[in-house]
Amino acid sequence: MQRRREGMRASTGVAAVAALVAALVAAGGAGAKATACGTVTINEQAWAGSTANTYVVKNVLEKNLGCKVNITKITEVPVYQAMADGKTDAILEDWGHIPQQKQYVTKQHTVVYAGKNGVTGVIGWYIPTYLMKQHPEFKTWKGLKGEETLFKSPESGSQGMFLGGDPSYQQKDQTLIKALHLNFKFVSVGAEPAQVARWEQLYKQHKPVIFYWYDPQYLNATYQLSQVQLPARFKGCLDDEKQGGPPAKYACAYPTYVLTKYMSKKFADSGSPAVTVVKNFSWSNSDQNYVAGLIAGKHMDPDKAAQQWIAKNQAKVNAWLGK
């Protein structure tokens, strides 16, 4: 009888150990499955703020979730098709591309809204503050009428030069100039670095210049710029001249943009823990300008700039991770 009890104890002990091992293996397997991230592809846009977004999230995903992060560089409109096709997983800053959102989010359901990124964007016409002090009438667009030739340049001939933004950006300034009957010649010098170099040159020479510009932008802490007030917005006014339509439809200021994020439907449904981080990612204009300034202003390696911000803002990062 004693042997039987001992045998039973031994058998029970073996079974208990086996069950414990099985439970640990199962728990370990479940944990591995829950935290498996794999490859995540984030799209970086042409402006420094987008680079800041991208590299901060990249480093959070790599260091905390073990993801492998790839970066694509597809311009603002085509990136929606790229998300629909699964070529990129997410964009972290969208400036209000309504036609694309209607097509890919509302109709096709191939792209998914991922929330706000915490940044408020402003687009408009800007001049140096020294010029605004000399010509306070330039506070509104009406004060520019009859004074356009003050902005003449070799590129604009007998007209004043309006310096356009990066051609890949959503803008309406050529059409807006026509709608307001201003004697400006719209001049594009290429991508944002070329545009900055052109107005920066004129700024340093203390000359008149008027140009497409926006905020948040790290250079706004370096240069004193003032915004020209454009006509008030009205119902049905348009902001992307690529949509076409009569100039009168564009005779209004750009809106204030609450900047947003989008993901491919495939990525959103993947179960990747990176989806939570993308949805939760949110920071301020000053956060973005700080990192963008390190990257574009001080020419710091983007990963190192991101890591520097992360080290000082662990509470925000923990919130993105859902901790």
C-alpha atoms as a PDB file:
ATOM      1  CA  MET A   1       0.000   0.000   0.000  1.00  0.00           C
ATOM      2  CA  GLN A   2       2.849   2.305   0.902  1.00  0.00           C
ATOM      3  CA  ARG A   3       4.500   1.586  -2.444  1.00  0.00           C
ATOM      4  CA  ARG A   4       1.265   2.335  -4.208  1.00  0.00           C
ATOM      5  CA  ARG A   5       1.021   5.717  -2.469  1.00  0.00           C
ATOM      6  CA  GLU A   6       4.648   6.467  -3.338  1.00  0.00           C
ATOM      7  CA  GLY A   7       3.979   5.449  -6.909  1.00  0.00           C
ATOM      8  CA  MET A   8       0.929   7.646  -6.998  1.00  0.00           C
ATOM      9  CA  ARG A   9       2.927  10.569  -5.556  1.00  0.00           C
ATOM     10  CA  ALA A  10       5.657  10.029  -8.122  1.00  0.00           C
ATOM     11  CA  SER A  11       3.142   9.772 -10.935  1.00  0.00           C
ATOM     12  CA  THR A  12       1.304  12.845  -9.690  1.00  0.00           C
ATOM     13  CA  GLY A  13       4.587  14.770  -9.345  1.00  0.00           C
ATOM     14  CA  VAL A  14       5.652  13.899 -12.887  1.00  0.00           C
ATOM     15  CA  ALA A  15       2.257  14.908 -14.215  1.00  0.00           C
ATOM     16  CA  ALA A  16       2.405  18.188 -12.298  1.00  0.00           C
ATOM     17  CA  VAL A  17       5.872  18.983 -13.614  1.00  0.00           C
ATOM     18  CA  ALA A  18       4.781  18.110 -17.155  1.00  0.00           C
ATOM     19  CA  ALA A  19       1.716  20.316 -16.807  1.00  0.00           C
ATOM     20  CA  LEU A  20       3.834  23.172 -15.456  1.00  0.00           C
ATOM     21  CA  VAL A  21       6.314  22.859 -18.326  1.00  0.00           C
ATOM     22  CA  ALA A  22       3.467  22.745 -20.835  1.00  0.00           C
ATOM     23  CA  ALA A  23       1.918  25.833 -19.264  1.00  0.00           C
ATOM     24  CA  LEU A  24       5.210  27.710 -19.360  1.00  0.00           C
ATOM     25  CA  VAL A  25       5.784  26.741 -22.980  1.00  0.00           C
ATOM     26  CA  ALA A  26       2.252  27.802 -23.867  1.00  0.00           C
ATOM     27  CA  ALA A  27       2.654  31.076 -22.011  1.00  0.00           C
ATOM     28  CA  GLY A  28       5.996  31.686 -23.649  1.00  0.00           C
ATOM     29  CA  GLY A  29       4.535  30.895 -27.059  1.00  0.00           C
ATOM     30  CA  ALA A  30       1.579  33.159 -26.482  1.00  0.00           C
ATOM     31  CA  GLY A  31       3.859  35.948 -25.287  1.00  0.00           C
ATOM     32  CA  ALA A  32       6.102  35.580 -28.325  1.00  0.00           C
ATOM     33  CA  LYS A  33       3.099  35.653 -30.604  1.00  0.00           C
ATOM     34  CA  ALA A  34       1.643  38.704 -28.855  1.00  0.00           C
ATOM     35  CA  THR A  35       4.851  40.708 -29.153  1.00  0.00           C
ATOM     36  CA  ALA A  36       5.935  39.565 -32.622  1.00  0.00           C
ATOM     37  CA  CYS A  37       6.273  42.682 -34.734  1.00  0.00           C
ATOM     38  CA  GLY A  38       8.087  41.760 -37.921  1.00  0.00           C
ATOM     39  CA  THR A  39       8.624  44.440 -40.554  1.00  0.00           C
ATOM     40  CA  VAL A  40       6.852  47.794 -40.487  1.00  0.00           C
ATOM     41  CA  THR A  41       7.122  50.313 -43.331  1.00  0.00           C
ATOM     42  CA  ILE A  42       6.576  53.995 -42.533  1.00  0.00           C
ATOM     43  CA  ASN A  43       6.396  56.706 -45.167  1.00  0.00           C
ATOM     44  CA  GLU A  44       8.552  59.805 -44.703  1.00  0.00           C
ATOM     45  CA  GLN A  45       7.460  62.993 -46.464  1.00  0.00           C
ATOM     46  CA  ALA A  46       9.682  65.733 -47.862  1.00  0.00           C
ATOM     47  CA  TRP A  47       9.528  68.147 -44.906  1.00  0.00           C
ATOM     48  CA  ALA A  48      11.655  68.070 -41.758  1.00  0.00           C
ATOM     49  CA  GLY A  49       8.680  67.599 -39.431  1.00  0.00           C
ATOM     50  CA  SER A  50       7.750  64.378 -41.194  1.00  0.00           C
ATOM     51  CA  THR A  51      11.324  63.148 -40.825  1.00  0.00           C
ATOM     52  CA  ALA A  52      11.098  63.875 -37.100  1.00  0.00           C
ATOM     53  CA  ASN A  53       7.820  61.914 -36.776  1.00  0.00           C
ATOM     54  CA  THR A  54       9.184  58.986 -38.734  1.00  0.00           C
ATOM     55  CA  TYR A  55      12.464  58.508 -36.904  1.00  0.00           C
ATOM     56  CA  VAL A  56      11.019  58.907 -33.429  1.00  0.00           C
ATOM     57  CA  VAL A  57       8.378  56.235 -34.106  1.00  0.00           C
ATOM     58  CA  LYS A  58      10.989  54.081 -35.882  1.00  0.00           C
ATOM     59  CA  ASN A  59      13.218  54.082 -32.807  1.00  0.00           C
ATOM     60  CA  VAL A  60      10.335  53.385 -30.436  1.00  0.00           C
ATOM     61  CA  LEU A  61       9.274  50.375 -32.533  1.00  0.00           C
ATOM     62  CA  GLU A  62      12.802  49.032 -32.908  1.00  0.00           C
ATOM     63  CA  LYS A  63      13.930  49.463 -29.291  1.00  0.00           C
ATOM     64  CA  ASN A  64      10.718  48.470 -27.523  1.00  0.00           C
ATOM     65  CA  LEU A  65       9.003  45.964 -29.817  1.00  0.00           C
ATOM     66  CA  GLY A  66      11.892  44.546 -31.832  1.00  0.00           C
ATOM     67  CA  CYS A  67      10.355  45.622 -35.137  1.00  0.00           C
ATOM     68  CA  LYS A  68      12.368  45.976 -38.299  1.00  0.00           C
ATOM     69  CA  VAL A  69      11.393  49.374 -39.701  1.00  0.00           C
ATOM     70  CA  ASN A  70      11.711  50.294 -43.365  1.00  0.00           C
ATOM     71  CA  ILE A  71      11.167  53.830 -44.640  1.00  0.00           C
ATOM     72  CA  THR A  72       9.618  54.811 -47.964  1.00  0.00           C
ATOM     73  CA  LYS A  73       9.658  58.325 -49.432  1.00  0.00           C
ATOM     74  CA  ILE A  74       6.497  58.648 -51.504  1.00  0.00           C
ATOM     75  CA  THR A  75       4.923  62.074 -52.038  1.00  0.00           C
ATOM     76  CA  GLU A  76       1.678  63.194 -50.397  1.00  0.00           C
ATOM     77  CA  VAL A  77      -0.935  62.040 -52.917  1.00  0.00           C
ATOM     78  CA  PRO A  78       0.580  58.828 -54.385  1.00  0.00           C
ATOM     79  CA  VAL A  79       1.228  57.492 -50.879  1.00  0.00           C
ATOM     80  CA  TYR A  80      -2.492  56.709 -50.525  1.00  0.00           C
ATOM     81  CA  GLN A  81      -2.315  54.276 -53.436  1.00  0.00           C
ATOM     82  CA  ALA A  82       0.894  52.876 -51.946  1.00  0.00           C
ATOM     83  CA  MET A  83      -0.911  52.181 -48.662  1.00  0.00           C
ATOM     84  CA  ALA A  84      -3.822  50.610 -50.524  1.00  0.00           C
ATOM     85  CA  ASP A  85      -1.356  48.361 -52.367  1.00  0.00           C
ATOM     86  CA  GLY A  86       0.487  47.430 -49.172  1.00  0.00           C
ATOM     87  CA  LYS A  87       3.739  49.060 -50.295  1.00  0.00           C
ATOM     88  CA  THR A  88       3.833  51.191 -47.160  1.00  0.00           C
ATOM     89  CA  ASP A  89       2.036  50.664 -43.862  1.00  0.00           C
ATOM     90  CA  ALA A  90       1.524  54.121 -42.396  1.00  0.00           C
ATOM     91  CA  ILE A  91       1.858  57.875 -42.744  1.00  0.00           C
ATOM     92  CA  LEU A  92       2.253  59.875 -39.550  1.00  0.00           C
ATOM     93  CA  GLU A  93       1.302  63.323 -40.857  1.00  0.00           C
ATOM     94  CA  ASP A  94      -1.391  64.140 -43.393  1.00  0.00           C
ATOM     95  CA  TRP A  95      -2.295  67.718 -44.326  1.00  0.00           C
ATOM     96  CA  GLY A  96      -5.922  67.231 -45.320  1.00  0.00           C
ATOM     97  CA  HIS A  97      -6.018  65.306 -48.598  1.00  0.00           C
ATOM     98  CA  ILE A  98      -9.804  65.084 -48.728  1.00  0.00           C
ATOM     99  CA  PRO A  99     -10.197  63.550 -52.245  1.00  0.00           C
ATOM    100  CA  GLN A 100      -7.780  60.733 -51.377  1.00  0.00           C
ATOM    101  CA  GLN A 101      -9.468  60.121 -48.041  1.00  0.00           C
ATOM    102  CA  LYS A 102     -12.855  59.845 -49.759  1.00  0.00           C
ATOM    103  CA  GLN A 103     -11.468  57.423 -52.345  1.00  0.00           C
ATOM    104  CA  TYR A 104      -9.301  55.138 -50.220  1.00  0.00           C
ATOM    105  CA  VAL A 105     -10.836  55.412 -46.733  1.00  0.00           C
ATOM    106  CA  THR A 106     -14.557  55.945 -47.345  1.00  0.00           C
ATOM    107  CA  LYS A 107     -15.151  54.142 -50.659  1.00  0.00           C
ATOM    108  CA  GLN A 108     -12.466  51.473 -51.065  1.00  0.00           C
ATOM    109  CA  HIS A 109     -11.781  50.791 -47.360  1.00  0.00           C
ATOM    110  CA  THR A 110      -8.141  50.049 -48.216  1.00  0.00           C
ATOM    111  CA  VAL A 111      -6.768  52.794 -45.956  1.00  0.00           C
ATOM    112  CA  VAL A 112      -7.733  53.366 -42.317  1.00  0.00           C
ATOM    113  CA  TYR A 113      -7.791  56.551 -40.228  1.00  0.00           C
ATOM    114  CA  ALA A 114      -5.305  56.219 -37.351  1.00  0.00           C
ATOM    115  CA  GLY A 115      -6.077  59.341 -35.315  1.00  0.00           C
ATOM    116  CA  LYS A 116      -4.525  62.765 -34.799  1.00  0.00           C
ATOM    117  CA  ASN A 117      -0.783  63.221 -34.364  1.00  0.00           C
ATOM    118  CA  GLY A 118      -1.157  66.157 -31.958  1.00  0.00           C
ATOM    119  CA  VAL A 119       0.297  68.766 -34.306  1.00  0.00           C
ATOM    120  CA  THR A 120      -1.676  71.726 -35.661  1.00  0.00           C
ATOM    121  CA  GLY A 121      -0.617  72.873 -39.125  1.00  0.00           C
ATOM    122  CA  VAL A 122      -0.869  76.303 -40.721  1.00  0.00           C
ATOM    123  CA  ILE A 123      -0.214  77.159 -44.394  1.00  0.00           C
ATOM    124  CA  GLY A 124      -0.178  80.652 -45.813  1.00  0.00           C
ATOM    125  CA  TRP A 125       1.656  83.554 -47.397  1.00  0.00           C
ATOM    126  CA  TYR A 126       4.613  84.847 -45.415  1.00  0.00           C
ATOM    127  CA  ILE A 127       6.959  87.826 -45.572  1.00  0.00           C
ATOM    128  CA  PRO A 128       9.926  88.809 -43.365  1.00  0.00           C
ATOM    129  CA  THR A 129       8.869  90.703 -40.251  1.00  0.00           C
ATOM    130  CA  TYR A 130      11.265  93.541 -41.138  1.00  0.00           C
ATOM    131  CA  LEU A 131       9.215  94.067 -44.307  1.00  0.00           C
ATOM    132  CA  MET A 132       5.948  93.974 -42.361  1.00  0.00           C
ATOM    133  CA  LYS A 133       7.278  96.741 -40.099  1.00  0.00           C
ATOM    134  CA  GLN A 134       8.176  98.838 -43.149  1.00  0.00           C
ATOM    135  CA  HIS A 135       4.819  98.149 -44.823  1.00  0.00           C
ATOM    136  CA  PRO A 136       2.139  97.498 -42.181  1.00  0.00           C
ATOM    137  CA  GLU A 137      -0.428  97.506 -44.992  1.00  0.00           C
ATOM    138  CA  PHE A 138       0.922  94.061 -45.966  1.00  0.00           C
ATOM    139  CA  LYS A 139      -0.853  92.577 -42.962  1.00  0.00           C
ATOM    140  CA  THR A 140      -3.659  91.721 -45.385  1.00  0.00           C
ATOM    141  CA  TRP A 141      -3.620  90.721 -49.042  1.00  0.00           C
ATOM    142  CA  LYS A 142      -5.420  93.951 -49.974  1.00  0.00           C
ATOM    143  CA  GLY A 143      -2.351  95.932 -48.952  1.00  0.00           C
ATOM    144  CA  LEU A 144      -0.319  94.085 -51.594  1.00  0.00           C
ATOM    145  CA  LYS A 145      -2.408  95.504 -54.452  1.00  0.00           C
ATOM    146  CA  GLY A 146      -0.416  98.064 -56.407  1.00  0.00           C
ATOM    147  CA  GLU A 147       2.774  97.179 -54.509  1.00  0.00           C
ATOM    148  CA  GLU A 148       3.549  93.867 -56.218  1.00  0.00           C
ATOM    149  CA  THR A 149       6.542  95.202 -58.181  1.00  0.00           C
ATOM    150  CA  LEU A 150       8.349  95.729 -54.874  1.00  0.00           C
ATOM    151  CA  PHE A 151       8.864  91.948 -55.000  1.00  0.00           C
ATOM    152  CA  LYS A 152      10.393  91.882 -58.503  1.00  0.00           C
ATOM    153  CA  SER A 153      13.209  89.417 -59.131  1.00  0.00           C
ATOM    154  CA  PRO A 154      15.203  88.143 -62.131  1.00  0.00           C
ATOM    155  CA  GLU A 155      12.737  85.245 -62.330  1.00  0.00           C
ATOM    156  CA  SER A 156       9.588  87.383 -62.420  1.00  0.00           C
ATOM    157  CA  GLY A 157      10.328  90.018 -65.064  1.00  0.00           C
ATOM    158  CA  SER A 158       8.122  93.094 -64.706  1.00  0.00           C
ATOM    159  CA  GLN A 159       5.864  91.447 -62.122  1.00  0.00           C
ATOM    160  CA  GLY A 160       6.428  90.780 -58.464  1.00  0.00           C
ATOM    161  CA  MET A 161       7.700  87.316 -57.572  1.00  0.00           C
ATOM    162  CA  PHE A 162       5.590  84.997 -55.464  1.00  0.00           C
ATOM    163  CA  LEU A 163       7.838  82.126 -54.407  1.00  0.00           C
ATOM    164  CA  GLY A 164       5.886  78.878 -54.453  1.00  0.00           C
ATOM    165  CA  GLY A 165       6.386  75.863 -52.225  1.00  0.00           C
ATOM    166  CA  ASP A 166       7.700  72.413 -53.004  1.00  0.00           C
ATOM    167  CA  PRO A 167       5.737  71.220 -56.093  1.00  0.00           C
ATOM    168  CA  SER A 168       4.860  67.967 -54.320  1.00  0.00           C
ATOM    169  CA  TYR A 169       2.953  69.853 -51.588  1.00  0.00           C
ATOM    170  CA  GLN A 170      -0.747  70.600 -51.729  1.00  0.00           C
ATOM    171  CA  GLN A 171      -1.130  74.286 -52.629  1.00  0.00           C
ATOM    172  CA  LYS A 172      -3.308  76.727 -54.556  1.00  0.00           C
ATOM    173  CA  ASP A 173      -1.251  79.892 -54.851  1.00  0.00           C
ATOM    174  CA  GLN A 174      -1.165  80.216 -58.642  1.00  0.00           C
ATOM    175  CA  THR A 175      -4.951  80.087 -58.757  1.00  0.00           C
ATOM    176  CA  LEU A 176      -5.338  82.263 -55.667  1.00  0.00           C
ATOM    177  CA  ILE A 177      -3.158  84.979 -57.242  1.00  0.00           C
ATOM    178  CA  LYS A 178      -5.477  84.959 -60.278  1.00  0.00           C
ATOM    179  CA  ALA A 179      -8.586  85.017 -58.114  1.00  0.00           C
ATOM    180  CA  LEU A 180      -7.330  88.056 -56.181  1.00  0.00           C
ATOM    181  CA  HIS A 181      -6.137  89.829 -59.367  1.00  0.00           C
ATOM    182  CA  LEU A 182      -2.645  90.389 -57.982  1.00  0.00           C
ATOM    183  CA  ASN A 183       0.271  91.246 -60.272  1.00  0.00           C
ATOM    184  CA  PHE A 184       2.484  88.402 -59.087  1.00  0.00           C
ATOM    185  CA  LYS A 185       4.308  85.826 -61.151  1.00  0.00           C
ATOM    186  CA  PHE A 186       4.277  82.451 -59.443  1.00  0.00           C
ATOM    187  CA  VAL A 187       7.847  81.115 -59.365  1.00  0.00           C
ATOM    188  CA  SER A 188       8.807  77.585 -58.353  1.00  0.00           C
ATOM    189  CA  VAL A 189      12.463  76.779 -57.766  1.00  0.00           C
ATOM    190  CA  GLY A 190      11.928  73.119 -56.895  1.00  0.00           C
ATOM    191  CA  ALA A 191      11.889  71.109 -53.693  1.00  0.00           C
ATOM    192  CA  GLU A 192      11.760  72.699 -50.242  1.00  0.00           C
ATOM    193  CA  PRO A 193      15.555  73.022 -49.731  1.00  0.00           C
ATOM    194  CA  ALA A 194      15.780  75.074 -52.949  1.00  0.00           C
ATOM    195  CA  GLN A 195      12.835  77.241 -51.923  1.00  0.00           C
ATOM    196  CA  VAL A 196      14.363  77.856 -48.497  1.00  0.00           C
ATOM    197  CA  ALA A 197      17.720  78.742 -50.038  1.00  0.00           C
ATOM    198  CA  ARG A 198      16.026  81.325 -52.287  1.00  0.00           C
ATOM    199  CA  TRP A 199      14.001  83.165 -49.648  1.00  0.00           C
ATOM    200  CA  GLU A 200      16.793  82.781 -47.087  1.00  0.00           C
ATOM    201  CA  GLN A 201      19.154  84.562 -49.482  1.00  0.00           C
ATOM    202  CA  LEU A 202      16.730  87.471 -49.876  1.00  0.00           C
ATOM    203  CA  TYR A 203      16.066  87.574 -46.137  1.00  0.00           C
ATOM    204  CA  LYS A 204      19.779  87.854 -45.349  1.00  0.00           C
ATOM    205  CA  GLN A 205      20.045  90.662 -47.899  1.00  0.00           C
ATOM    206  CA  HIS A 206      17.123  92.396 -46.161  1.00  0.00           C
ATOM    207  CA  LYS A 207      15.141  92.428 -49.411  1.00  0.00           C
ATOM    208  CA  PRO A 208      11.386  92.007 -50.009  1.00  0.00           C
ATOM    209  CA  VAL A 209      10.143  88.461 -50.537  1.00  0.00           C
ATOM    210  CA  ILE A 210       6.728  86.802 -50.282  1.00  0.00           C
ATOM    211  CA  PHE A 211       6.359  83.038 -50.294  1.00  0.00           C
ATOM    212  CA  TYR A 212       4.345  79.938 -49.472  1.00  0.00           C
ATOM    213  CA  TRP A 213       5.236  78.736 -45.985  1.00  0.00           C
ATOM    214  CA  TYR A 214       3.864  76.811 -43.045  1.00  0.00           C
ATOM    215  CA  ASP A 215       4.055  75.934 -39.375  1.00  0.00           C
ATOM    216  CA  PRO A 216       5.260  73.859 -37.555  1.00  0.00           C
ATOM    217  CA  GLN A 217       8.668  74.422 -39.124  1.00  0.00           C
ATOM    218  CA  TYR A 218      11.941  74.479 -37.205  1.00  0.00           C
ATOM    219  CA  LEU A 219      13.206  77.469 -39.243  1.00  0.00           C
ATOM    220  CA  ASN A 220      10.467  79.625 -37.734  1.00  0.00           C
ATOM    221  CA  ALA A 221      12.582  79.794 -34.573  1.00  0.00           C
ATOM    222  CA  THR A 222      15.524  81.151 -36.594  1.00  0.00           C
ATOM    223  CA  TYR A 223      13.840  83.686 -38.874  1.00  0.00           C
ATOM    224  CA  GLN A 224      11.267  86.318 -37.975  1.00  0.00           C
ATOM    225  CA  LEU A 225       8.403  85.842 -40.410  1.00  0.00           C
ATOM    226  CA  SER A 226       4.917  87.346 -40.518  1.00  0.00           C
ATOM    227  CA  GLN A 227       1.817  85.918 -42.150  1.00  0.00           C
ATOM    228  CA  VAL A 228      -0.236  87.904 -44.657  1.00  0.00           C
ATOM    229  CA  GLN A 229      -3.951  87.625 -43.948  1.00  0.00           C
ATOM    230  CA  LEU A 230      -5.823  86.111 -46.894  1.00  0.00           C
ATOM    231  CA  PRO A 231      -9.607  86.335 -47.513  1.00  0.00           C
ATOM    232  CA  ALA A 232     -11.826  84.548 -45.010  1.00  0.00           C
ATOM    233  CA  ARG A 233     -12.854  80.996 -45.762  1.00  0.00           C
ATOM    234  CA  PHE A 234     -16.314  80.304 -47.142  1.00  0.00           C
ATOM    235  CA  LYS A 235     -18.402  77.208 -47.676  1.00  0.00           C
ATOM    236  CA  GLY A 236     -17.070  75.250 -50.640  1.00  0.00           C
ATOM    237  CA  CYS A 237     -13.714  77.032 -50.939  1.00  0.00           C
ATOM    238  CA  LEU A 238     -10.947  74.818 -52.293  1.00  0.00           C
ATOM    239  CA  ASP A 239      -7.303  74.378 -51.303  1.00  0.00           C
ATOM    240  CA  ASP A 240      -5.723  72.021 -53.843  1.00  0.00           C
ATOM    241  CA  GLU A 241      -5.583  73.602 -57.291  1.00  0.00           C
ATOM    242  CA  LYS A 242      -4.950  70.208 -58.867  1.00  0.00           C
ATOM    243  CA  GLN A 243      -8.684  69.621 -58.362  1.00  0.00           C
ATOM    244  CA  GLY A 244      -9.413  72.285 -60.982  1.00  0.00           C
ATOM    245  CA  GLY A 245     -12.436  74.546 -61.029  1.00  0.00           C
ATOM    246  CA  PRO A 246     -12.893  78.330 -61.350  1.00  0.00           C
ATOM    247  CA  PRO A 247     -10.367  80.606 -59.575  1.00  0.00           C
ATOM    248  CA  ALA A 248     -13.148  82.145 -57.465  1.00  0.00           C
ATOM    249  CA  LYS A 249     -13.452  78.817 -55.646  1.00  0.00           C
ATOM    250  CA  TYR A 250      -9.890  79.288 -54.349  1.00  0.00           C
ATOM    251  CA  ALA A 251     -10.233  82.895 -53.134  1.00  0.00           C
ATOM    252  CA  CYS A 252      -9.855  82.083 -49.456  1.00  0.00           C
ATOM    253  CA  ALA A 253      -7.203  81.412 -46.829  1.00  0.00           C
ATOM    254  CA  TYR A 254      -5.865  77.933 -46.255  1.00  0.00           C
ATOM    255  CA  PRO A 255      -7.578  76.163 -43.356  1.00  0.00           C
ATOM    256  CA  THR A 256      -5.936  75.358 -40.051  1.00  0.00           C
ATOM    257  CA  TYR A 257      -5.024  71.688 -40.259  1.00  0.00           C
ATOM    258  CA  VAL A 258      -5.424  69.224 -37.413  1.00  0.00           C
ATOM    259  CA  LEU A 259      -2.780  66.814 -38.677  1.00  0.00           C
ATOM    260  CA  THR A 260      -3.711  63.160 -38.880  1.00  0.00           C
ATOM    261  CA  LYS A 261      -2.328  59.649 -39.434  1.00  0.00           C
ATOM    262  CA  TYR A 262      -3.394  56.857 -41.786  1.00  0.00           C
ATOM    263  CA  MET A 263      -2.593  53.147 -42.135  1.00  0.00           C
ATOM    264  CA  SER A 264      -3.113  50.518 -44.754  1.00  0.00           C
ATOM    265  CA  LYS A 265      -6.086  48.264 -43.943  1.00  0.00           C
ATOM    266  CA  LYS A 266      -3.793  45.255 -44.205  1.00  0.00           C
ATOM    267  CA  PHE A 267      -1.463  46.650 -41.547  1.00  0.00           C
ATOM    268  CA  ALA A 268      -4.354  47.755 -39.311  1.00  0.00           C
ATOM    269  CA  ASP A 269      -5.744  44.197 -39.330  1.00  0.00           C
ATOM    270  CA  SER A 270      -2.362  42.469 -38.965  1.00  0.00           C
ATOM    271  CA  GLY A 271      -2.355  42.200 -35.173  1.00  0.00           C
ATOM    272  CA  SER A 272       1.090  43.772 -35.031  1.00  0.00           C
ATOM    273  CA  PRO A 273       1.817  45.607 -31.755  1.00  0.00           C
ATOM    274  CA  ALA A 274       3.162  48.409 -33.937  1.00  0.00           C
ATOM    275  CA  VAL A 275      -0.441  49.291 -34.836  1.00  0.00           C
ATOM    276  CA  THR A 276      -1.053  50.417 -31.246  1.00  0.00           C
ATOM    277  CA  VAL A 277       2.014  52.661 -31.300  1.00  0.00           C
ATOM    278  CA  VAL A 278       0.984  54.288 -34.588  1.00  0.00           C
ATOM    279  CA  LYS A 279      -2.536  54.901 -33.268  1.00  0.00           C
ATOM    280  CA  ASN A 280      -1.269  56.298 -29.952  1.00  0.00           C
ATOM    281  CA  PHE A 281       1.542  58.424 -31.405  1.00  0.00           C
ATOM    282  CA  SER A 282       0.863  62.060 -30.551  1.00  0.00           C
ATOM    283  CA  TRP A 283       3.129  64.968 -29.693  1.00  0.00           C
ATOM    284  CA  SER A 284       3.209  68.757 -29.866  1.00  0.00           C
ATOM    285  CA  ASN A 285       4.394  71.326 -32.392  1.00  0.00           C
ATOM    286  CA  SER A 286       7.314  72.127 -30.094  1.00  0.00           C
ATOM    287  CA  ASP A 287       8.259  68.434 -29.795  1.00  0.00           C
ATOM    288  CA  GLN A 288       8.346  68.102 -33.561  1.00  0.00           C
ATOM    289  CA  ASN A 289      10.251  71.341 -34.079  1.00  0.00           C
ATOM    290  CA  TYR A 290      12.851  70.255 -31.517  1.00  0.00           C
ATOM    291  CA  VAL A 291      13.654  67.000 -33.326  1.00  0.00           C
ATOM    292  CA  ALA A 292      13.362  68.553 -36.797  1.00  0.00           C
ATOM    293  CA  GLY A 293      15.774  71.286 -35.727  1.00  0.00           C
ATOM    294  CA  LEU A 294      18.353  68.720 -34.629  1.00  0.00           C
ATOM    295  CA  ILE A 295      18.048  66.831 -37.924  1.00  0.00           C
ATOM    296  CA  ALA A 296      17.689  69.592 -40.501  1.00  0.00           C
ATOM    297  CA  GLY A 297      19.163  72.513 -38.575  1.00  0.00           C
ATOM    298  CA  LYS A 298      22.099  70.910 -36.767  1.00  0.00           C
ATOM    299  CA  HIS A 299      22.506  68.053 -39.277  1.00  0.00           C
ATOM    300  CA  MET A 300      22.363  65.405 -36.577  1.00  0.00           C
ATOM    301  CA  ASP A 301      21.854  61.785 -37.596  1.00  0.00           C
ATOM    302  CA  PRO A 302      18.040  61.250 -37.564  1.00  0.00           C
ATOM    303  CA  ASP A 303      18.231  58.172 -35.339  1.00  0.00           C
ATOM    304  CA  LYS A 304      20.433  59.966 -32.796  1.00  0.00           C
ATOM    305  CA  ALA A 305      18.129  62.995 -32.815  1.00  0.00           C
ATOM    306  CA  ALA A 306      15.137  60.732 -32.192  1.00  0.00           C
ATOM    307  CA  GLN A 307      16.930  58.899 -29.388  1.00  0.00           C
ATOM    308  CA  GLN A 308      17.830  62.205 -27.720  1.00  0.00           C
ATOM    309  CA  TRP A 309      14.176  63.274 -27.641  1.00  0.00           C
ATOM    310  CA  ILE A 310      13.006  59.818 -26.496  1.00  0.00           C
ATOM    311  CA  ALA A 311      15.457  59.834 -23.572  1.00  0.00           C
ATOM    312  CA  LYS A 312      13.881  63.067 -22.304  1.00  0.00           C
ATOM    313  CA  ASN A 313      10.257  62.075 -22.942  1.00  0.00           C
ATOM    314  CA  GLN A 314       9.849  58.513 -21.717  1.00  0.00           C
ATOM    315  CA  ALA A 315       6.400  59.190 -20.252  1.00  0.00           C
ATOM    316  CA  LYS A 316       5.041  60.106 -23.693  1.00  0.00           C
ATOM    317  CA  VAL A 317       6.698  57.056 -25.235  1.00  0.00           C
ATOM    318  CA  ASN A 318       5.176  54.794 -22.564  1.00  0.00           C
ATOM    319  CA  ALA A 319       1.741  56.191 -23.421  1.00  0.00           C
ATOM    320  CA  TRP A 320       2.283  55.312 -27.089  1.00  0.00           C
ATOM    321  CA  LEU A 321       3.238  51.785 -26.021  1.00  0.00           C
ATOM    322  CA  GLY A 322       0.056  51.523 -23.958  1.00  0.00           C
ATOM    323  CA  LYS A 323       1.900  51.204 -20.653  1.00  0.00           C
END
